[in-house]
């Protein structure tokens, strides 16, 4: 059931369902150092529409690694009667669609970095670019919701070097796209043509 209010709940760590298709790079070693230093004060958020954590995947993976290594639970983590760790997770205010959830997951990471002199190429450094392309191709409507990339940046990303113009079902992935010129090689990508 989707609600318009947020709720914080402690969930057993093995039940904090990470988003398997998350294409973001994570520096787990630094996340662990941060969690050990500052405690776990930045809860993950579960989105029922996505069926997984929409953000906090790296922090949750860092906790899993810490638990397996036999480390002490950091501040902010509860210990259940059976010794399992419980992680705080935010629930509620779910996305209206899977596409909106995917876009929010991407925007949540990108928008925390924007505001300085970082540009499109800088933002791409935090992502596994082929993985990001695959996620956006699998959920093409997500681009309608993205706020952290402008249309030209999205076109460049979606038609870049690793782009496959036809999906597994034979449908064109460029039906809604306009011509775009690659800023690196100057090639003009025409919708529907390889």
Foldseek 3Di string as FASTA:
>chain_A
DADADKDKDWAFLVPQFAQPLAFFDEPLVVLLVCCQVPNPDDAFEDAVQSPHTLDDRSNSVSQVVCVVVVHDHTPQWDADPVRTIIHIYMYHPHDPHNLCSNQCSLQVVQVVPPDDPDDLVNSCVRGPLVSNLVVCLVRVCNVVNHDRDDLLSVVCSCPDPNHDQADPVRDGSQPPPAWHAHPPPRDIDHGPDD
